[in-house]
Each structure stands twice: as structure tokens, then as C-alpha cells.
Protein backbone atom coordinates (compact mmCIF):
# COMPACT_ATOMS: atom_id res chain seq x y z
CA MET A 1 -311.45 -101.68 169.88
CA ASN A 2 -309.00 -98.90 169.23
CA LEU A 3 -306.13 -99.47 166.78
CA HIS A 4 -303.87 -96.96 168.56
CA ASN A 5 -304.29 -98.72 171.92
CA ASP A 6 -303.78 -102.11 170.31
CA LEU A 7 -300.54 -100.93 168.70
CA MET A 8 -299.36 -99.52 172.03
CA LYS A 9 -299.96 -102.88 173.80
CA VAL A 10 -297.69 -104.75 171.38
CA LYS A 11 -295.21 -101.85 171.26
CA VAL A 12 -295.43 -101.13 167.53
CA VAL A 13 -294.18 -97.62 166.76
CA HIS A 14 -296.63 -95.51 164.76
CA GLY A 15 -297.10 -91.81 164.22
CA CYS A 16 -299.25 -89.04 162.83
CA GLU A 17 -297.35 -89.14 159.52
CA ASN A 18 -299.13 -92.46 158.73
CA CYS A 19 -302.57 -91.27 159.84
CA CYS A 20 -305.33 -90.34 157.40
CA HIS A 21 -306.84 -87.74 159.79
CA LYS A 22 -303.91 -85.33 159.33
CA CYS A 23 -304.69 -83.57 162.61
CA ARG A 24 -301.01 -83.22 163.61
CA LYS A 25 -302.10 -81.06 166.55
CA CYS A 26 -301.01 -83.43 169.28
CA GLY A 27 -297.37 -84.07 168.52
CA VAL A 28 -298.03 -87.64 169.62
CA THR A 29 -300.28 -90.15 167.94
CA CYS A 30 -303.86 -89.75 169.11
CA GLU A 31 -306.68 -92.16 169.90
CA ASN A 32 -308.17 -91.59 166.42
CA PHE A 33 -305.16 -93.04 164.62
CA TYR A 34 -306.09 -94.82 161.41
CA PRO A 35 -303.47 -95.44 158.69
CA GLU A 36 -303.84 -93.87 155.24
CA ASN A 37 -302.81 -97.09 153.52
CA SER A 38 -304.20 -99.85 155.71
CA ALA A 39 -302.76 -102.79 153.75
CA GLU A 40 -299.25 -101.32 153.68
CA PHE A 41 -299.44 -100.38 157.36
CA MET A 42 -300.57 -103.90 158.40
CA GLY A 43 -297.59 -105.29 156.47
CA TYR A 44 -295.36 -103.03 158.58
CA VAL A 45 -297.12 -104.16 161.80
CA LEU A 46 -296.68 -107.85 160.91
CA ASP A 47 -292.99 -107.29 160.14
CA GLU A 48 -292.55 -105.58 163.53
CA LEU A 49 -294.34 -108.42 165.33
CA ARG A 50 -292.24 -111.05 163.50
CA LYS A 51 -289.05 -109.42 164.82
CA ASN A 52 -290.05 -110.12 168.42
CA ILE A 53 -291.76 -113.51 168.36
CA THR A 54 -290.22 -116.83 169.18
CA PRO A 55 -291.61 -119.52 166.86
CA SER A 56 -293.15 -122.45 168.69
CA LYS A 57 -292.21 -126.05 168.02
CA GLU A 58 -295.75 -127.10 168.90
CA LYS A 59 -298.73 -127.03 166.53
CA LYS A 60 -301.16 -125.19 168.77
CA LEU A 61 -301.36 -123.03 171.85
CA LYS A 62 -301.60 -125.01 175.08
CA ARG A 63 -302.79 -123.92 178.46
CA HIS A 64 -300.19 -124.50 181.14
CA ALA A 65 -302.08 -124.28 184.42
CA VAL A 66 -299.89 -124.79 187.45
CA PRO A 67 -301.80 -126.26 190.38
CA ASP A 68 -300.79 -124.49 193.56
CA GLY A 69 -302.84 -126.52 196.04
CA LYS A 70 -304.78 -123.43 197.06
CA SER A 71 -307.06 -123.19 194.02
CA TYR A 72 -310.34 -125.01 193.61
CA ASN A 73 -311.36 -126.31 190.19
CA ASP A 74 -315.03 -125.40 189.93
CA LYS A 75 -315.20 -126.57 186.28
CA VAL A 76 -316.02 -123.06 185.05
CA THR A 77 -314.29 -122.10 181.81
CA THR A 78 -311.69 -119.42 182.50
CA LEU A 79 -310.88 -116.43 180.29
CA ASP A 80 -307.50 -118.01 179.65
CA GLU A 81 -309.21 -121.14 178.29
CA TYR A 82 -311.37 -118.99 175.99
CA TYR A 83 -308.25 -117.22 174.76
CA VAL A 84 -306.53 -120.53 173.96
CA LEU A 85 -309.68 -121.80 172.22
CA LEU A 86 -309.88 -118.66 170.08
CA VAL A 87 -306.22 -118.79 169.01
CA ASN A 88 -306.44 -122.51 168.21
CA SER A 89 -309.69 -122.02 166.29
CA VAL A 90 -308.08 -119.35 164.11
CA LEU A 91 -305.03 -121.57 163.55
CA SER A 92 -307.24 -124.47 162.48
CA GLU A 93 -309.27 -122.40 160.03
CA VAL A 94 -306.24 -120.66 158.53
CA ARG A 95 -304.42 -123.96 158.03
CA LYS A 96 -307.43 -125.27 156.09
CA GLY A 97 -307.05 -122.33 153.72
CA GLY A 98 -309.93 -120.38 155.21
CA VAL A 99 -310.33 -116.99 156.80
CA ASP A 100 -310.93 -116.29 160.47
CA TYR A 101 -310.90 -113.29 162.76
CA ALA A 102 -308.86 -112.15 165.75
CA TYR A 103 -309.66 -109.19 167.96
CA SER A 104 -306.28 -107.92 169.13
CA LEU A 105 -302.71 -107.72 167.95
CA GLU A 106 -301.73 -109.77 171.00
CA GLN A 107 -303.81 -112.63 169.56
CA ILE A 108 -302.20 -112.07 166.15
CA ARG A 109 -298.78 -112.26 167.79
CA ASP A 110 -299.67 -115.61 169.41
CA ILE A 111 -301.08 -116.93 166.12
CA MET A 112 -297.83 -115.97 164.38
CA ARG A 113 -295.84 -118.10 166.82
CA PHE A 114 -297.47 -121.16 165.21
CA GLU A 115 -298.21 -119.86 161.68
CA PRO A 116 -295.69 -117.15 160.79
CA ASN A 117 -296.83 -116.78 157.16
CA ILE A 118 -300.17 -115.05 157.58
CA THR A 119 -301.68 -111.90 156.17
CA VAL A 120 -303.87 -109.64 158.25
CA ASN A 121 -306.47 -107.10 157.21
CA TYR A 122 -307.78 -104.62 159.79
CA ILE A 123 -311.57 -104.15 159.73
CA PRO A 124 -312.31 -100.98 161.73
CA SER A 125 -316.12 -101.29 161.58
CA ALA A 126 -315.90 -104.73 163.20
CA GLY A 127 -312.99 -103.98 165.53
CA ALA A 128 -311.35 -107.14 164.22
CA TYR A 129 -308.48 -108.44 162.14
CA GLU A 130 -309.11 -110.79 159.23
CA VAL A 131 -306.47 -113.53 159.25
CA ARG A 132 -305.53 -115.84 156.40
CA LYS A 133 -302.50 -117.81 155.32
CA SER A 134 -300.31 -115.84 152.93
CA ASN A 135 -299.50 -117.17 149.49
CA LEU A 136 -295.70 -117.01 149.78
């Protein structure tokens, strides 16, 4: 996983001035972007994501498959089903007061639709985000 690419997917603005590499050669943020102050930067990212999410009235993410009459249900678990299972698993663990992990900011954004008060810690060696309920 690459933090720069993940930030680009969710359209969170970031720049070389926040990067610990201090390369500043590119003029644009490079693939090696890693924030100097990770905790402060993740707070900024969560604030940016909160601005653009619509809170859900439901308690968990649901799969809304629309049968089109052309598809065949071969009973094989789809990637979409795995995605929904992962998001709901994180929601369940966080609501119990535990810690769980997500692997993209898109997943974090979906988790925040159901649990807006979370804290996230980026773990670069694992390519994951540690998610827990914040103590607000």
C-alpha cells in the first residue's frame, strides 16, 4: 500500500511541506510521501474525510445487489461481499471498545459513515490503518 496513492483516491490534499523526506525536487507530492507528524496528519485526513461523508441511519454496511435477470448466482463470494464483511467486522470490534485494522482510506471513509468518532493510526510497515473508537 502507498499512502500517497491512498490519499489521492479519497481526494485528500497533501504536499511536500508535510513530508519527512524533504526531497522537494518534484514540485508535486511524490510516491514516497510520508508525513513528519503521523498522528497530526491522520487527524487532518479524518477531518477532511468527515467533511465529505453522509452519515448513515443504518448500523452496518449492507450489500445492495440488484438482480438484472442476466446474472447467474453461482454462490461464490464476491469481492463486494468481502468488502462489506471487512467493514462490518471493523465496526463490530470498534463498537466493543477494541481495535481493528482497515487497509485503505476508502474503507475508513465507509466506517466513518456508521461510526464517525474514530481515531486512526497509520502503520506503514503493515500497510494498514489501526482503527479504534475515540474517547470524545
